[in-house]
Amino acid sequence: MNPVTPFAVRCNLSFGDIYAQVLAWMAVIFVSLAAGLGLMGSSRPIFALVGVGLILVLSLPFLLFAFVTTLLNHIELEPIQPQ
């Protein structure tokens, strides 16, 4: 029977790795808010709220996918050598 090799889980994720994703998400938020404010002066301001909500709800899965894949790409399994 083969002995099981223990592994150490290491994560080398830093803020610099997700910095561009945070900036892109902030840009999406600001653009949707600007579009909402632009539509707020129209005769139907409910379209502004629906538009902002739709943009945020549709972009959230892409943001989460980017964060999770970045995190998983920075996780390493290293075998621990017996003493």
C-alpha atoms as a PDB file:
ATOM      1  CA  MET A   1       0.000   0.000   0.000  1.00  0.00           C
ATOM      2  CA  ASN A   2       1.323   3.435  -0.935  1.00  0.00           C
ATOM      3  CA  PRO A   3       1.647   6.091   1.773  1.00  0.00           C
ATOM      4  CA  VAL A   4      -0.374   9.256   1.215  1.00  0.00           C
ATOM      5  CA  THR A   5       1.738  12.358   0.634  1.00  0.00           C
ATOM      6  CA  PRO A   6       0.473  15.381   2.584  1.00  0.00           C
ATOM      7  CA  PHE A   7       0.165  18.671   0.752  1.00  0.00           C
ATOM      8  CA  ALA A   8       0.420  22.288   1.875  1.00  0.00           C
ATOM      9  CA  VAL A   9      -2.039  24.733   0.321  1.00  0.00           C
ATOM     10  CA  ARG A  10      -0.457  28.082  -0.514  1.00  0.00           C
ATOM     11  CA  CYS A  11      -2.148  31.142  -1.976  1.00  0.00           C
ATOM     12  CA  ASN A  12       0.105  33.790  -3.486  1.00  0.00           C
ATOM     13  CA  LEU A  13      -2.677  36.178  -4.493  1.00  0.00           C
ATOM     14  CA  SER A  14      -1.919  39.850  -3.999  1.00  0.00           C
ATOM     15  CA  PHE A  15      -3.958  42.993  -4.484  1.00  0.00           C
ATOM     16  CA  GLY A  16      -2.004  43.793  -7.642  1.00  0.00           C
ATOM     17  CA  ASP A  17      -3.439  40.665  -9.252  1.00  0.00           C
ATOM     18  CA  ILE A  18      -7.024  41.877  -8.925  1.00  0.00           C
ATOM     19  CA  TYR A  19      -6.387  45.617  -9.192  1.00  0.00           C
ATOM     20  CA  ALA A  20      -7.488  45.844 -12.852  1.00  0.00           C
ATOM     21  CA  GLN A  21     -10.664  43.878 -12.075  1.00  0.00           C
ATOM     22  CA  VAL A  22     -11.557  46.267  -9.255  1.00  0.00           C
ATOM     23  CA  LEU A  23     -10.999  49.252 -11.543  1.00  0.00           C
ATOM     24  CA  ALA A  24     -13.114  47.688 -14.291  1.00  0.00           C
ATOM     25  CA  TRP A  25     -15.958  47.019 -11.826  1.00  0.00           C
ATOM     26  CA  MET A  26     -15.791  50.614 -10.577  1.00  0.00           C
ATOM     27  CA  ALA A  27     -15.950  51.822 -14.192  1.00  0.00           C
ATOM     28  CA  VAL A  28     -19.068  49.706 -14.789  1.00  0.00           C
ATOM     29  CA  ILE A  29     -20.697  51.156 -11.672  1.00  0.00           C
ATOM     30  CA  PHE A  30     -19.881  54.756 -12.627  1.00  0.00           C
ATOM     31  CA  VAL A  31     -21.052  54.318 -16.229  1.00  0.00           C
ATOM     32  CA  SER A  32     -24.334  52.759 -15.125  1.00  0.00           C
ATOM     33  CA  LEU A  33     -24.903  55.500 -12.571  1.00  0.00           C
ATOM     34  CA  ALA A  34     -24.126  58.155 -15.189  1.00  0.00           C
ATOM     35  CA  ALA A  35     -26.579  56.522 -17.582  1.00  0.00           C
ATOM     36  CA  GLY A  36     -29.170  56.384 -14.826  1.00  0.00           C
ATOM     37  CA  LEU A  37     -28.726  60.051 -14.003  1.00  0.00           C
ATOM     38  CA  GLY A  38     -28.948  60.882 -17.695  1.00  0.00           C
ATOM     39  CA  LEU A  39     -32.234  59.023 -18.003  1.00  0.00           C
ATOM     40  CA  MET A  40     -33.606  60.413 -14.742  1.00  0.00           C
ATOM     41  CA  GLY A  41     -34.632  63.655 -16.437  1.00  0.00           C
ATOM     42  CA  SER A  42     -36.806  61.842 -18.952  1.00  0.00           C
ATOM     43  CA  SER A  43     -40.546  61.502 -18.626  1.00  0.00           C
ATOM     44  CA  ARG A  44     -40.219  57.953 -17.202  1.00  0.00           C
ATOM     45  CA  PRO A  45     -37.550  57.828 -14.488  1.00  0.00           C
ATOM     46  CA  ILE A  46     -38.359  54.195 -13.723  1.00  0.00           C
ATOM     47  CA  PHE A  47     -36.387  53.296 -16.864  1.00  0.00           C
ATOM     48  CA  ALA A  48     -33.318  54.843 -15.233  1.00  0.00           C
ATOM     49  CA  LEU A  49     -33.622  52.635 -12.156  1.00  0.00           C
ATOM     50  CA  VAL A  50     -34.315  49.532 -14.233  1.00  0.00           C
ATOM     51  CA  GLY A  51     -31.351  50.295 -16.477  1.00  0.00           C
ATOM     52  CA  VAL A  52     -28.916  50.739 -13.576  1.00  0.00           C
ATOM     53  CA  GLY A  53     -30.198  47.598 -11.878  1.00  0.00           C
ATOM     54  CA  LEU A  54     -30.002  45.593 -15.090  1.00  0.00           C
ATOM     55  CA  ILE A  55     -26.427  46.664 -15.780  1.00  0.00           C
ATOM     56  CA  LEU A  56     -25.312  45.829 -12.247  1.00  0.00           C
ATOM     57  CA  VAL A  57     -27.140  42.492 -12.106  1.00  0.00           C
ATOM     58  CA  LEU A  58     -25.869  41.362 -15.510  1.00  0.00           C
ATOM     59  CA  SER A  59     -22.254  42.377 -14.824  1.00  0.00           C
ATOM     60  CA  LEU A  60     -22.041  40.785 -11.360  1.00  0.00           C
ATOM     61  CA  PRO A  61     -21.628  37.153 -12.593  1.00  0.00           C
ATOM     62  CA  PHE A  62     -18.764  38.208 -14.858  1.00  0.00           C
ATOM     63  CA  LEU A  63     -17.051  39.978 -11.961  1.00  0.00           C
ATOM     64  CA  LEU A  64     -17.451  36.970  -9.684  1.00  0.00           C
ATOM     65  CA  PHE A  65     -16.157  34.636 -12.405  1.00  0.00           C
ATOM     66  CA  ALA A  66     -13.080  36.835 -12.877  1.00  0.00           C
ATOM     67  CA  PHE A  67     -12.374  36.966  -9.137  1.00  0.00           C
ATOM     68  CA  VAL A  68     -12.843  33.234  -8.599  1.00  0.00           C
ATOM     69  CA  THR A  69     -10.725  32.187 -11.574  1.00  0.00           C
ATOM     70  CA  THR A  70      -7.970  34.591 -10.521  1.00  0.00           C
ATOM     71  CA  LEU A  71      -8.047  33.156  -7.011  1.00  0.00           C
ATOM     72  CA  LEU A  72      -7.972  29.558  -8.245  1.00  0.00           C
ATOM     73  CA  ASN A  73      -5.042  30.344 -10.543  1.00  0.00           C
ATOM     74  CA  HIS A  74      -3.008  31.509  -7.543  1.00  0.00           C
ATOM     75  CA  ILE A  75      -3.563  28.464  -5.310  1.00  0.00           C
ATOM     76  CA  GLU A  76      -0.673  26.013  -5.206  1.00  0.00           C
ATOM     77  CA  LEU A  77      -0.417  22.545  -3.712  1.00  0.00           C
ATOM     78  CA  GLU A  78       3.079  21.724  -2.498  1.00  0.00           C
ATOM     79  CA  PRO A  79       3.995  18.260  -1.210  1.00  0.00           C
ATOM     80  CA  ILE A  80       5.336  18.226   2.325  1.00  0.00           C
ATOM     81  CA  GLN A  81       8.488  16.178   2.685  1.00  0.00           C
ATOM     82  CA  PRO A  82       8.544  13.868   5.689  1.00  0.00           C
ATOM     83  CA  GLN A  83      11.148  14.756   8.316  1.00  0.00           C
END
